[in-house]
Amino acid sequence: MALIEVEVACYSLLAGEDPVECERCRKPAKHLFCLDRPHPQIRWMRAALCDEHRKEFEESSSEIRFS
């Protein structure tokens, strides 16, 4: 299986906005990851994560370039 190189943007979720839950633990999410640019092989990518799971995601995603 070939790796797909994508650029991912990370946005901070501000307090006072509609609350979003972390997709892994249901704590309040503070970060939203999404594709920075469209990719022909990936239709959609989004992840809302708390601080703890953001760090895990970034450390385990060495093939993803964060912008």
Protein backbone atom coordinates (compact mmCIF):
# COMPACT_ATOMS: atom_id res chain seq x y z
CA MET A 1 0.00 0.00 0.00
CA ALA A 2 1.45 3.38 -1.01
CA LEU A 3 1.49 6.29 1.39
CA ILE A 4 -0.54 9.35 0.48
CA GLU A 5 1.07 12.68 1.33
CA VAL A 6 -1.40 15.31 2.50
CA GLU A 7 -1.17 18.68 4.19
CA VAL A 8 -3.33 19.09 7.26
CA ALA A 9 -4.34 22.37 8.87
CA CYS A 10 -4.97 22.67 12.59
CA TYR A 11 -7.38 25.28 13.91
CA SER A 12 -7.89 26.18 17.57
CA LEU A 13 -11.48 26.08 18.77
CA LEU A 14 -12.26 29.15 20.85
CA ALA A 15 -14.16 29.15 24.12
CA GLY A 16 -17.66 30.48 23.67
CA GLU A 17 -18.19 28.79 20.30
CA ASP A 18 -20.56 25.84 20.05
CA PRO A 19 -18.91 23.07 22.12
CA VAL A 20 -17.36 20.19 20.19
CA GLU A 21 -16.40 16.87 21.78
CA CYS A 22 -13.08 15.11 21.29
CA GLU A 23 -13.69 12.21 18.91
CA ARG A 24 -11.70 9.83 21.12
CA CYS A 25 -12.69 10.63 24.72
CA ARG A 26 -15.66 13.06 24.60
CA LYS A 27 -13.81 15.78 26.57
CA PRO A 28 -14.17 19.30 25.14
CA ALA A 29 -12.15 19.50 21.92
CA LYS A 30 -9.74 22.38 21.52
CA HIS A 31 -8.33 21.59 18.06
CA LEU A 32 -9.85 20.87 14.67
CA PHE A 33 -7.76 19.13 12.01
CA CYS A 34 -8.82 19.12 8.36
CA LEU A 35 -7.25 18.83 4.91
CA ASP A 36 -5.43 22.02 3.96
CA ARG A 37 -6.00 21.36 0.26
CA PRO A 38 -8.30 18.97 -1.62
CA HIS A 39 -6.75 15.61 -2.50
CA PRO A 40 -8.05 13.40 -5.34
CA GLN A 41 -7.79 10.19 -3.28
CA ILE A 42 -9.25 11.53 -0.02
CA ARG A 43 -12.81 12.78 -0.08
CA TRP A 44 -12.98 14.13 3.46
CA MET A 45 -10.89 14.36 6.60
CA ARG A 46 -11.75 16.08 9.87
CA ALA A 47 -10.79 15.39 13.47
CA ALA A 48 -11.80 17.31 16.60
CA LEU A 49 -9.41 16.50 19.46
CA CYS A 50 -8.58 17.54 23.02
CA ASP A 51 -5.00 18.57 23.95
CA GLU A 52 -3.99 15.03 24.96
CA HIS A 53 -5.27 13.35 21.79
CA ARG A 54 -3.93 16.15 19.57
CA LYS A 55 -0.41 15.30 20.76
CA GLU A 56 -1.00 11.57 20.19
CA PHE A 57 -2.38 12.27 16.69
CA GLU A 58 0.58 14.45 15.69
CA GLU A 59 3.14 11.97 17.06
CA SER A 60 1.53 8.98 15.32
CA SER A 61 1.06 10.78 12.00
CA SER A 62 4.65 11.15 10.86
CA GLU A 63 3.60 10.83 7.21
CA ILE A 64 1.22 13.80 7.52
CA ARG A 65 2.61 17.29 7.04
CA PHE A 66 0.95 19.83 9.35
CA SER A 67 0.61 23.42 8.12
